[in-house]
Amino acid sequence: MTVEEPAPMATQYTPSAPRPVQPPAPGERPRLMTVHAHPDDESSKGAATTARYVDEGHEVMVVTCTGGERGSILNPAMDRPDVLENMTAVRNAEMARAAEILGVQHVWLGFVDSGLPEGDPKPPLPEGCFALGDVEEQTAALVKVIREFRPHVIVTYDENGGYPHPDHIRTHVISMAAWEAAGDPARFPEAGAPWQPMKLYYGHGFSKARLEAFHNAIVESGQESPYAEWLENWKSDRPDPGTRVTTKVPCSDWFGRRDDALRAHATQIDPDSRFFFTPLEVQARVWPTEDYELVQSLVDTEVPEDDLFAGIPVEVGGERRRAG
């Protein structure tokens, strides 16, 4: 089956204005940081990419902005009084297990889940939640982690949060603010020595083209597609993030580990959910990549890319080269 490529990008990548950057030291691989709103987001968005880079020797840090305290229990088997009474501890343990499976380092930013307001009209967000918090305070917390870990690449959400959850949108806001502030010695001096990451990406996992590719592959195999209703209800006024993809990272060999990490979030992930509808061998054949949009780059690179580290200078065998 031929995979239909996404339509041309809605926005074109342009290089960022020059800023002082520090390339990897001799013998050092570039480091990657991914910034997420809740525990389980790191496993449903870009997990195969992070597992691949870990196995290739890169350090990968996952930052989780909130504890996921207000997340609904989406797995009926976990909808029990003992889980509800200890949601914070349960989600902490799930996150630790997922990080272990992926091989990533992990840090909590320490803010409180806002929940997902539902209804018409929607109720107000709870007092003290992440989405209503002080942006400067939240940015300072993320800047501190950036300066401690010193990533060369950061992946976060787009301006719509990937989907319009208030915590995802706030994650975007503070990620962009931290990208601007982390390398500026005048900003948050108490957060440590300045560090300027080299590249910033948005992750784009839920494109219509990807769903259509899976749907068509299942239909062609003679089975009923679980994506038919989803595609039928796709809102025509909703921009398809797949049109913005600049970078497709091959990582199908790590799809199984991604799914294991997802299952570790047992309160959030029903093993019978749509995350697991498409067999891994079909996914590997039809859509073997995880997809990203390059938003800012302080190194020379050309899109389309197949590597988040493309263009970053590294030393190989005593010779300085560019990754990718």
Protein backbone atom coordinates (compact mmCIF):
# COMPACT_ATOMS: atom_id res chain seq x y z
CA MET A 1 0.00 0.00 0.00
CA THR A 2 1.25 3.50 -0.84
CA VAL A 3 1.24 6.00 2.02
CA GLU A 4 -0.30 9.29 1.03
CA GLU A 5 2.04 12.11 2.00
CA PRO A 6 0.58 15.04 3.93
CA ALA A 7 -0.32 18.17 2.03
CA PRO A 8 2.28 20.96 1.82
CA MET A 9 3.06 22.60 5.13
CA ALA A 10 0.75 25.37 6.22
CA THR A 11 3.73 27.29 7.61
CA GLN A 12 7.32 27.17 6.44
CA TYR A 13 10.25 26.82 8.81
CA THR A 14 12.63 29.77 8.87
CA PRO A 15 15.92 29.83 10.81
CA SER A 16 15.98 31.69 14.11
CA ALA A 17 18.06 34.80 14.70
CA PRO A 18 21.59 33.90 15.82
CA ARG A 19 22.19 33.32 19.53
CA PRO A 20 25.19 31.87 21.36
CA VAL A 21 24.91 28.07 21.51
CA GLN A 22 27.14 25.35 22.90
CA PRO A 23 27.47 22.22 20.72
CA PRO A 24 27.96 18.78 22.26
CA ALA A 25 31.39 18.23 23.76
CA PRO A 26 33.76 15.76 22.05
CA GLY A 27 32.33 12.27 22.36
CA GLU A 28 29.01 13.61 23.66
CA ARG A 29 25.71 12.95 21.93
CA PRO A 30 23.08 15.70 21.71
CA ARG A 31 20.44 15.65 24.45
CA LEU A 32 16.67 15.73 23.99
CA MET A 33 13.98 17.14 26.31
CA THR A 34 10.25 16.59 25.80
CA VAL A 35 7.76 18.72 27.73
CA HIS A 36 4.33 17.28 28.53
CA ALA A 37 1.23 18.27 30.46
CA HIS A 38 0.32 15.02 32.27
CA PRO A 39 1.71 11.59 33.04
CA ASP A 40 0.85 9.33 30.05
CA ASP A 41 1.36 12.14 27.49
CA GLU A 42 5.01 11.13 27.16
CA SER A 43 3.90 7.61 26.18
CA SER A 44 1.13 8.57 23.75
CA LYS A 45 3.12 11.30 22.00
CA GLY A 46 6.58 10.58 20.62
CA ALA A 47 7.48 7.65 22.88
CA ALA A 48 8.98 5.50 20.13
CA THR A 49 11.22 8.41 19.16
CA THR A 50 12.50 8.84 22.70
CA ALA A 51 13.07 5.09 23.12
CA ARG A 52 15.03 5.02 19.86
CA TYR A 53 17.26 7.90 20.89
CA VAL A 54 17.88 6.37 24.32
CA ASP A 55 18.98 3.13 22.67
CA GLU A 56 21.29 5.12 20.39
CA GLY A 57 23.04 6.59 23.42
CA HIS A 58 21.37 9.97 23.75
CA GLU A 59 20.21 11.32 27.09
CA VAL A 60 16.48 12.01 27.04
CA MET A 61 14.59 13.95 29.72
CA VAL A 62 10.80 13.94 30.02
CA VAL A 63 9.31 16.90 31.89
CA THR A 64 5.76 16.47 33.21
CA CYS A 65 4.15 19.77 34.16
CA THR A 66 1.35 18.41 36.38
CA GLY A 67 0.68 15.33 38.46
CA GLY A 68 -2.42 14.34 36.50
CA GLU A 69 -4.42 14.43 39.72
CA ARG A 70 -7.71 15.23 37.99
CA GLY A 71 -7.40 12.72 35.17
CA SER A 72 -10.41 10.51 34.64
CA ILE A 73 -10.01 6.76 35.07
CA LEU A 74 -10.38 5.49 31.51
CA ASN A 75 -9.67 1.82 32.22
CA PRO A 76 -12.70 0.13 33.84
CA ALA A 77 -10.44 -2.39 35.57
CA MET A 78 -8.83 0.46 37.54
CA ASP A 79 -12.05 2.22 38.52
CA ARG A 80 -11.79 1.14 42.16
CA PRO A 81 -12.09 2.98 45.50
CA ASP A 82 -8.46 2.24 46.44
CA VAL A 83 -7.25 3.82 43.20
CA LEU A 84 -9.51 6.86 43.50
CA GLU A 85 -8.37 7.47 47.07
CA ASN A 86 -4.70 7.36 46.09
CA MET A 87 -4.75 8.86 42.61
CA THR A 88 -1.61 10.95 43.04
CA ALA A 89 0.49 8.05 44.31
CA VAL A 90 -0.92 5.70 41.66
CA ARG A 91 -0.14 8.09 38.81
CA ASN A 92 3.36 8.70 40.22
CA ALA A 93 4.03 4.97 40.18
CA GLU A 94 2.63 4.61 36.66
CA MET A 95 4.89 7.41 35.44
CA ALA A 96 7.95 5.85 37.07
CA ARG A 97 7.23 2.54 35.37
CA ALA A 98 6.69 4.17 31.95
CA ALA A 99 9.95 6.11 32.27
CA GLU A 100 11.75 2.89 33.15
CA ILE A 101 10.34 1.13 30.08
CA LEU A 102 11.34 3.98 27.75
CA GLY A 103 14.72 4.45 29.43
CA VAL A 104 14.22 8.18 29.86
CA GLN A 105 15.05 10.47 32.74
CA HIS A 106 12.03 12.16 34.27
CA VAL A 107 11.19 15.23 36.35
CA TRP A 108 7.91 16.58 37.70
CA LEU A 109 7.50 20.34 37.33
CA GLY A 110 5.15 20.21 40.31
CA PHE A 111 1.97 21.96 39.22
CA VAL A 112 -1.61 20.79 39.78
CA ASP A 113 -3.72 19.25 37.02
CA SER A 114 -6.50 21.58 35.79
CA GLY A 115 -8.85 18.84 34.68
CA LEU A 116 -10.80 19.00 31.43
CA PRO A 117 -13.92 21.14 31.86
CA GLU A 118 -16.96 19.72 30.11
CA GLY A 119 -20.49 20.97 29.57
CA ASP A 120 -22.20 23.95 27.98
CA PRO A 121 -21.35 26.35 29.41
CA LYS A 122 -18.11 24.85 30.73
CA PRO A 123 -17.50 25.23 34.46
CA PRO A 124 -14.64 27.45 35.64
CA LEU A 125 -11.24 25.87 36.15
CA PRO A 126 -10.38 24.98 39.75
CA GLU A 127 -8.47 27.52 41.81
CA GLY A 128 -4.75 26.85 42.06
CA CYS A 129 -4.56 24.72 38.92
CA PHE A 130 -1.78 24.82 36.33
CA ALA A 131 -3.79 26.61 33.64
CA LEU A 132 -4.61 29.48 36.01
CA GLY A 133 -1.15 29.71 37.55
CA ASP A 134 1.46 32.42 37.22
CA VAL A 135 3.22 32.09 33.85
CA GLU A 136 6.45 33.64 35.13
CA GLU A 137 6.64 31.19 38.03
CA GLN A 138 5.93 28.25 35.73
CA THR A 139 8.44 29.45 33.14
CA ALA A 140 11.09 29.84 35.84
CA ALA A 141 10.53 26.24 36.94
CA LEU A 142 10.97 24.96 33.38
CA VAL A 143 14.01 27.18 32.77
CA LYS A 144 15.65 25.68 35.86
CA VAL A 145 15.20 22.15 34.47
CA ILE A 146 16.50 23.22 31.05
CA ARG A 147 19.61 24.78 32.57
CA GLU A 148 20.26 21.71 34.70
CA PHE A 149 19.76 19.13 31.93
CA ARG A 150 21.12 21.31 29.07
CA PRO A 151 19.13 19.85 26.15
CA HIS A 152 20.15 20.57 22.59
CA VAL A 153 16.60 19.86 21.34
CA ILE A 154 13.22 20.50 22.95
CA VAL A 155 9.89 19.00 21.84
CA THR A 156 6.61 20.47 23.09
CA TYR A 157 3.02 21.11 21.91
CA ASP A 158 1.77 23.56 19.31
CA GLU A 159 -0.36 26.63 20.06
CA ASN A 160 -3.47 24.43 20.20
CA GLY A 161 -1.87 22.10 22.73
CA GLY A 162 -2.14 19.20 20.28
CA TYR A 163 -5.75 19.27 21.42
CA PRO A 164 -7.40 22.10 23.36
CA HIS A 165 -6.91 20.91 26.92
CA PRO A 166 -6.08 23.91 29.14
CA ASP A 167 -2.99 22.20 30.55
CA HIS A 168 -1.69 21.38 27.08
CA ILE A 169 -2.13 24.96 25.95
CA ARG A 170 -0.37 26.24 29.08
CA THR A 171 2.45 23.75 28.44
CA HIS A 172 2.90 25.35 25.02
CA VAL A 173 2.94 28.83 26.56
CA ILE A 174 5.63 28.13 29.14
CA SER A 175 7.70 26.02 26.73
CA MET A 176 7.93 28.93 24.30
CA ALA A 177 8.70 31.35 27.11
CA ALA A 178 11.39 29.04 28.50
CA TRP A 179 12.95 28.63 25.03
CA GLU A 180 13.37 32.41 24.91
CA ALA A 181 14.55 32.79 28.51
CA ALA A 182 16.83 29.82 29.17
CA GLY A 183 19.83 31.26 27.31
CA ASP A 184 19.40 34.81 28.62
CA PRO A 185 21.57 35.50 31.70
CA ALA A 186 19.31 38.39 32.65
CA ARG A 187 16.26 36.11 32.98
CA PHE A 188 15.78 34.00 36.09
CA PRO A 189 19.42 34.21 37.30
CA GLU A 190 18.46 32.13 40.34
CA ALA A 191 17.62 29.21 37.98
CA GLY A 192 21.25 28.47 37.12
CA ALA A 193 23.77 29.24 34.41
CA PRO A 194 22.22 30.13 31.01
CA TRP A 195 21.75 27.38 28.47
CA GLN A 196 20.43 27.88 24.95
CA PRO A 197 18.86 24.84 23.25
CA MET A 198 19.52 24.64 19.50
CA LYS A 199 16.21 23.37 18.09
CA LEU A 200 12.54 23.49 19.09
CA TYR A 201 9.84 21.19 17.70
CA TYR A 202 6.12 20.63 18.05
CA GLY A 203 5.01 17.01 18.12
CA HIS A 204 2.18 16.11 15.69
CA GLY A 205 0.86 12.62 16.32
CA PHE A 206 -2.80 12.80 15.39
CA SER A 207 -2.96 13.80 11.74
CA LYS A 208 -5.93 12.97 9.55
CA ALA A 209 -3.61 11.53 6.89
CA ARG A 210 -2.20 9.06 9.43
CA LEU A 211 -5.67 7.93 10.53
CA GLU A 212 -6.75 7.56 6.91
CA ALA A 213 -3.67 5.45 6.16
CA PHE A 214 -4.49 3.07 9.03
CA HIS A 215 -8.18 3.01 8.08
CA ASN A 216 -7.42 2.16 4.45
CA ALA A 217 -4.93 -0.57 5.39
CA ILE A 218 -7.46 -2.27 7.67
CA VAL A 219 -10.27 -2.01 5.10
CA GLU A 220 -7.99 -3.45 2.39
CA SER A 221 -7.29 -6.42 4.65
CA GLY A 222 -11.02 -7.17 4.67
CA GLN A 223 -11.63 -6.13 8.27
CA GLU A 224 -13.92 -3.50 9.73
CA SER A 225 -12.01 -0.32 10.47
CA PRO A 226 -12.31 1.10 13.99
CA TYR A 227 -11.38 4.51 12.56
CA ALA A 228 -14.40 4.97 10.29
CA GLU A 229 -16.53 6.84 12.82
CA TRP A 230 -13.57 8.92 14.00
CA LEU A 231 -12.84 10.05 10.43
CA GLU A 232 -16.51 10.61 9.67
CA ASN A 233 -16.75 12.96 12.65
CA TRP A 234 -13.50 14.78 11.89
CA LYS A 235 -14.44 18.46 12.04
CA SER A 236 -13.81 20.15 8.71
CA ASP A 237 -12.99 23.42 10.47
CA ARG A 238 -10.26 21.74 12.52
CA PRO A 239 -6.81 22.33 11.00
CA ASP A 240 -4.96 19.09 10.30
CA PRO A 241 -1.60 19.30 12.10
CA GLY A 242 -0.22 16.77 9.62
CA THR A 243 0.05 19.54 7.03
CA ARG A 244 2.67 21.23 9.24
CA VAL A 245 5.04 18.28 9.58
CA THR A 246 8.67 18.97 8.63
CA THR A 247 10.39 16.03 10.31
CA LYS A 248 9.48 12.34 10.21
CA VAL A 249 11.58 10.19 12.54
CA PRO A 250 11.71 6.46 11.61
CA CYS A 251 11.07 4.53 14.82
CA SER A 252 8.81 1.55 14.06
CA ASP A 253 11.22 -0.84 15.79
CA TRP A 254 10.28 0.91 19.03
CA PHE A 255 6.47 0.87 18.62
CA GLY A 256 6.21 -2.16 20.91
CA ARG A 257 8.08 -0.36 23.67
CA ARG A 258 5.89 2.68 23.19
CA ASP A 259 2.81 0.51 23.71
CA ASP A 260 4.32 -1.11 26.81
CA ALA A 261 4.91 2.35 28.26
CA LEU A 262 1.33 3.31 27.44
CA ARG A 263 -0.02 0.25 29.22
CA ALA A 264 2.01 1.21 32.29
CA HIS A 265 -0.44 4.11 32.69
CA ALA A 266 -3.16 1.66 33.65
CA THR A 267 -5.59 4.25 35.04
CA GLN A 268 -5.53 6.21 31.78
CA ILE A 269 -5.09 3.56 29.11
CA ASP A 270 -7.66 0.85 28.50
CA PRO A 271 -5.80 -2.07 26.87
CA ASP A 272 -8.82 -2.41 24.55
CA SER A 273 -8.71 1.26 23.52
CA ARG A 274 -8.12 2.69 20.06
CA PHE A 275 -4.43 3.21 20.84
CA PHE A 276 -4.00 -0.50 20.12
CA PHE A 277 -6.45 -0.98 17.24
CA THR A 278 -3.84 -1.21 14.49
CA PRO A 279 -1.42 -4.18 14.62
CA LEU A 280 2.21 -3.15 15.01
CA GLU A 281 3.22 -4.79 11.73
CA VAL A 282 0.58 -2.73 9.91
CA GLN A 283 1.75 0.46 11.61
CA ALA A 284 5.36 -0.30 10.69
CA ARG A 285 4.42 -0.82 7.05
CA VAL A 286 1.96 2.01 6.66
CA TRP A 287 3.31 4.79 8.89
CA PRO A 288 6.73 3.89 10.37
CA THR A 289 7.52 7.37 11.71
CA GLU A 290 6.62 9.81 14.44
CA ASP A 291 6.10 13.29 13.10
CA TYR A 292 7.23 16.75 14.17
CA GLU A 293 7.24 20.38 13.11
CA LEU A 294 10.52 22.27 13.31
CA VAL A 295 9.63 25.66 14.76
CA GLN A 296 12.96 27.22 15.75
CA SER A 297 16.53 26.31 14.86
CA LEU A 298 19.82 27.96 15.70
CA VAL A 299 21.77 25.53 13.48
CA ASP A 300 21.69 25.09 9.73
CA THR A 301 19.32 22.35 8.63
CA GLU A 302 17.11 21.56 5.67
CA VAL A 303 13.53 20.37 5.78
CA PRO A 304 12.19 17.80 5.36
CA GLU A 305 14.28 16.04 8.03
CA ASP A 306 14.36 12.50 9.41
CA ASP A 307 16.25 13.27 12.65
CA LEU A 308 15.52 15.73 15.47
CA PHE A 309 19.27 16.25 15.84
CA ALA A 310 19.84 17.09 12.15
CA GLY A 311 22.34 19.92 11.76
CA ILE A 312 23.73 19.78 15.29
CA PRO A 313 27.54 19.53 15.19
CA VAL A 314 28.97 16.41 16.85
CA GLU A 315 32.51 15.04 16.99
CA VAL A 316 32.97 11.56 15.49
CA GLY A 317 36.43 9.99 15.57
CA GLY A 318 38.07 13.32 16.27
CA GLU A 319 36.27 15.02 13.37
CA ARG A 320 33.48 17.56 13.85
CA ARG A 321 30.39 16.68 11.78
CA ARG A 322 26.74 17.58 11.69
CA ALA A 323 24.17 15.07 12.92
CA GLY A 324 21.51 13.80 10.57
